[in-house]
Amino acid sequence: MSYLEYSVKSVPSGFRKILHLNWPLLLLLASVCGVGFLMLYSVAGGSFSPWAEPQMKRFGLGLALMLVVAMVPIWLWRNLSGVAYGFSFLLLIAVALIGEERKGAQRWIDLGPV
């Protein structure tokens, strides 16, 4: 049995996974983002509306998405890794073939008004 298989079998499942998250890292992330929110609030002259409020909404959405991704079993990510690699490789080839050139570099696939 390899180390990865042993580690995958010892990972808790379900709601117990929340207890095994890296809480100090999440606290550090929230602290750094909190300082960023305060800076945006300060730059806006004591108002949340122009910059801080949308940033807080995006942070909340990103945090929720991060927790959802953390709850997915690791074996699923391992099984999907080959598909993700292949898709990324196809996108790189698509950029080389049909990508638009802007500012002297060919790096964008025009998706229209998306």
C-alpha atoms as a PDB file:
ATOM      1  CA  MET A   1       0.000   0.000   0.000  1.00  0.00           C
ATOM      2  CA  SER A   2       1.431   3.370  -1.000  1.00  0.00           C
ATOM      3  CA  TYR A   3       1.582   6.402   1.247  1.00  0.00           C
ATOM      4  CA  LEU A   4      -1.133   8.149  -0.775  1.00  0.00           C
ATOM      5  CA  GLU A   5      -3.529   5.219  -0.444  1.00  0.00           C
ATOM      6  CA  TYR A   6      -2.898   5.062   3.301  1.00  0.00           C
ATOM      7  CA  SER A   7      -3.485   8.806   3.640  1.00  0.00           C
ATOM      8  CA  VAL A   8      -6.686   8.670   1.611  1.00  0.00           C
ATOM      9  CA  LYS A   9      -8.091   5.867   3.762  1.00  0.00           C
ATOM     10  CA  SER A  10      -7.385   7.755   6.981  1.00  0.00           C
ATOM     11  CA  VAL A  11      -9.161  10.960   5.921  1.00  0.00           C
ATOM     12  CA  PRO A  12     -12.461  11.511   7.755  1.00  0.00           C
ATOM     13  CA  SER A  13     -15.633  11.776   5.734  1.00  0.00           C
ATOM     14  CA  GLY A  14     -18.808  13.780   5.968  1.00  0.00           C
ATOM     15  CA  PHE A  15     -19.250  16.520   8.525  1.00  0.00           C
ATOM     16  CA  ARG A  16     -16.173  15.371  10.477  1.00  0.00           C
ATOM     17  CA  LYS A  17     -13.996  16.776   7.683  1.00  0.00           C
ATOM     18  CA  ILE A  18     -14.789  20.293   8.920  1.00  0.00           C
ATOM     19  CA  LEU A  19     -13.065  19.498  12.203  1.00  0.00           C
ATOM     20  CA  HIS A  20      -9.926  18.438  10.333  1.00  0.00           C
ATOM     21  CA  LEU A  21      -9.551  21.602   8.270  1.00  0.00           C
ATOM     22  CA  ASN A  22      -6.453  23.705   8.787  1.00  0.00           C
ATOM     23  CA  TRP A  23      -8.101  26.254  11.065  1.00  0.00           C
ATOM     24  CA  PRO A  24      -4.964  28.320  11.799  1.00  0.00           C
ATOM     25  CA  LEU A  25      -4.487  28.789   8.058  1.00  0.00           C
ATOM     26  CA  LEU A  26      -8.126  29.820   7.615  1.00  0.00           C
ATOM     27  CA  LEU A  27      -7.782  32.282  10.502  1.00  0.00           C
ATOM     28  CA  LEU A  28      -4.656  33.745   8.919  1.00  0.00           C
ATOM     29  CA  LEU A  29      -6.458  34.047   5.580  1.00  0.00           C
ATOM     30  CA  ALA A  30      -9.408  35.802   7.209  1.00  0.00           C
ATOM     31  CA  SER A  31      -7.069  38.147   9.092  1.00  0.00           C
ATOM     32  CA  VAL A  32      -5.170  39.171   5.969  1.00  0.00           C
ATOM     33  CA  CYS A  33      -8.437  39.703   4.106  1.00  0.00           C
ATOM     34  CA  GLY A  34      -9.791  41.712   7.031  1.00  0.00           C
ATOM     35  CA  VAL A  35      -6.803  44.051   6.822  1.00  0.00           C
ATOM     36  CA  GLY A  36      -7.459  44.373   3.098  1.00  0.00           C
ATOM     37  CA  PHE A  37     -11.106  45.227   3.750  1.00  0.00           C
ATOM     38  CA  LEU A  38     -10.048  47.900   6.233  1.00  0.00           C
ATOM     39  CA  MET A  39      -7.659  49.382   3.686  1.00  0.00           C
ATOM     40  CA  LEU A  40     -10.378  49.531   1.047  1.00  0.00           C
ATOM     41  CA  TYR A  41     -12.725  51.113   3.582  1.00  0.00           C
ATOM     42  CA  SER A  42     -10.087  53.699   4.437  1.00  0.00           C
ATOM     43  CA  VAL A  43      -9.288  54.514   0.816  1.00  0.00           C
ATOM     44  CA  ALA A  44     -12.994  55.071   0.113  1.00  0.00           C
ATOM     45  CA  GLY A  45     -13.147  57.722   2.829  1.00  0.00           C
ATOM     46  CA  GLY A  46     -14.996  55.661   5.409  1.00  0.00           C
ATOM     47  CA  SER A  47     -17.511  54.062   3.065  1.00  0.00           C
ATOM     48  CA  PHE A  48     -17.970  50.387   2.258  1.00  0.00           C
ATOM     49  CA  SER A  49     -19.883  50.903  -0.967  1.00  0.00           C
ATOM     50  CA  PRO A  50     -17.348  51.533  -3.735  1.00  0.00           C
ATOM     51  CA  TRP A  51     -14.724  48.873  -3.008  1.00  0.00           C
ATOM     52  CA  ALA A  52     -14.902  47.114   0.350  1.00  0.00           C
ATOM     53  CA  GLU A  53     -18.444  45.755   0.095  1.00  0.00           C
ATOM     54  CA  PRO A  54     -18.001  43.991  -3.271  1.00  0.00           C
ATOM     55  CA  GLN A  55     -14.663  42.624  -2.084  1.00  0.00           C
ATOM     56  CA  MET A  56     -16.286  41.221   1.069  1.00  0.00           C
ATOM     57  CA  LYS A  57     -19.005  39.565  -1.011  1.00  0.00           C
ATOM     58  CA  ARG A  58     -16.408  37.973  -3.281  1.00  0.00           C
ATOM     59  CA  PHE A  59     -14.417  36.820  -0.258  1.00  0.00           C
ATOM     60  CA  GLY A  60     -17.511  35.217   1.276  1.00  0.00           C
ATOM     61  CA  LEU A  61     -18.343  33.463  -1.986  1.00  0.00           C
ATOM     62  CA  GLY A  62     -14.758  32.278  -2.373  1.00  0.00           C
ATOM     63  CA  LEU A  63     -14.633  31.026   1.211  1.00  0.00           C
ATOM     64  CA  ALA A  64     -17.885  29.105   0.762  1.00  0.00           C
ATOM     65  CA  LEU A  65     -16.615  27.599  -2.494  1.00  0.00           C
ATOM     66  CA  MET A  66     -13.337  26.674  -0.807  1.00  0.00           C
ATOM     67  CA  LEU A  67     -15.198  24.835   1.960  1.00  0.00           C
ATOM     68  CA  VAL A  68     -17.335  22.978  -0.587  1.00  0.00           C
ATOM     69  CA  VAL A  69     -14.229  21.914  -2.506  1.00  0.00           C
ATOM     70  CA  ALA A  70     -12.596  20.815   0.757  1.00  0.00           C
ATOM     71  CA  MET A  71     -15.542  18.514   1.469  1.00  0.00           C
ATOM     72  CA  VAL A  72     -15.155  16.627  -1.832  1.00  0.00           C
ATOM     73  CA  PRO A  73     -13.350  13.303  -1.335  1.00  0.00           C
ATOM     74  CA  ILE A  74      -9.698  13.375  -2.355  1.00  0.00           C
ATOM     75  CA  TRP A  75     -10.102  10.311  -4.576  1.00  0.00           C
ATOM     76  CA  LEU A  76     -12.475  12.285  -6.809  1.00  0.00           C
ATOM     77  CA  TRP A  77      -9.881  15.016  -7.352  1.00  0.00           C
ATOM     78  CA  ARG A  78      -7.261  12.359  -8.051  1.00  0.00           C
ATOM     79  CA  ASN A  79      -9.518  10.677 -10.618  1.00  0.00           C
ATOM     80  CA  LEU A  80     -10.362  13.985 -12.322  1.00  0.00           C
ATOM     81  CA  SER A  81      -6.769  15.195 -12.494  1.00  0.00           C
ATOM     82  CA  GLY A  82      -6.072  13.508 -15.832  1.00  0.00           C
ATOM     83  CA  VAL A  83      -9.191  14.993 -17.397  1.00  0.00           C
ATOM     84  CA  ALA A  84      -8.303  18.462 -16.085  1.00  0.00           C
ATOM     85  CA  TYR A  85      -4.767  18.135 -17.439  1.00  0.00           C
ATOM     86  CA  GLY A  86      -6.037  17.081 -20.858  1.00  0.00           C
ATOM     87  CA  PHE A  87      -8.563  19.928 -20.966  1.00  0.00           C
ATOM     88  CA  SER A  88      -5.869  22.454 -20.029  1.00  0.00           C
ATOM     89  CA  PHE A  89      -3.595  21.100 -22.732  1.00  0.00           C
ATOM     90  CA  LEU A  90      -6.378  21.407 -25.327  1.00  0.00           C
ATOM     91  CA  LEU A  91      -6.978  25.009 -24.266  1.00  0.00           C
ATOM     92  CA  LEU A  92      -3.274  25.768 -24.727  1.00  0.00           C
ATOM     93  CA  ILE A  93      -3.406  24.342 -28.234  1.00  0.00           C
ATOM     94  CA  ALA A  94      -6.583  26.337 -28.952  1.00  0.00           C
ATOM     95  CA  VAL A  95      -4.855  29.562 -27.911  1.00  0.00           C
ATOM     96  CA  ALA A  96      -1.971  28.796 -30.246  1.00  0.00           C
ATOM     97  CA  LEU A  97      -4.323  28.087 -33.157  1.00  0.00           C
ATOM     98  CA  ILE A  98      -7.230  30.520 -32.786  1.00  0.00           C
ATOM     99  CA  GLY A  99      -6.090  32.925 -30.083  1.00  0.00           C
ATOM    100  CA  GLU A 100      -6.244  36.657 -30.674  1.00  0.00           C
ATOM    101  CA  GLU A 101      -3.128  38.743 -30.710  1.00  0.00           C
ATOM    102  CA  ARG A 102      -3.210  41.808 -28.495  1.00  0.00           C
ATOM    103  CA  LYS A 103      -0.319  44.065 -27.588  1.00  0.00           C
ATOM    104  CA  GLY A 104       2.102  41.837 -29.452  1.00  0.00           C
ATOM    105  CA  ALA A 105       1.206  38.580 -27.707  1.00  0.00           C
ATOM    106  CA  GLN A 106      -1.133  35.800 -28.741  1.00  0.00           C
ATOM    107  CA  ARG A 107      -2.797  34.803 -25.507  1.00  0.00           C
ATOM    108  CA  TRP A 108      -6.574  35.199 -25.601  1.00  0.00           C
ATOM    109  CA  ILE A 109      -9.469  33.164 -26.930  1.00  0.00           C
ATOM    110  CA  ASP A 110     -12.239  35.593 -27.831  1.00  0.00           C
ATOM    111  CA  LEU A 111     -15.479  34.400 -26.242  1.00  0.00           C
ATOM    112  CA  GLY A 112     -17.538  37.318 -27.485  1.00  0.00           C
ATOM    113  CA  PRO A 113     -19.661  39.358 -25.076  1.00  0.00           C
ATOM    114  CA  VAL A 114     -19.393  36.825 -22.236  1.00  0.00           C
END
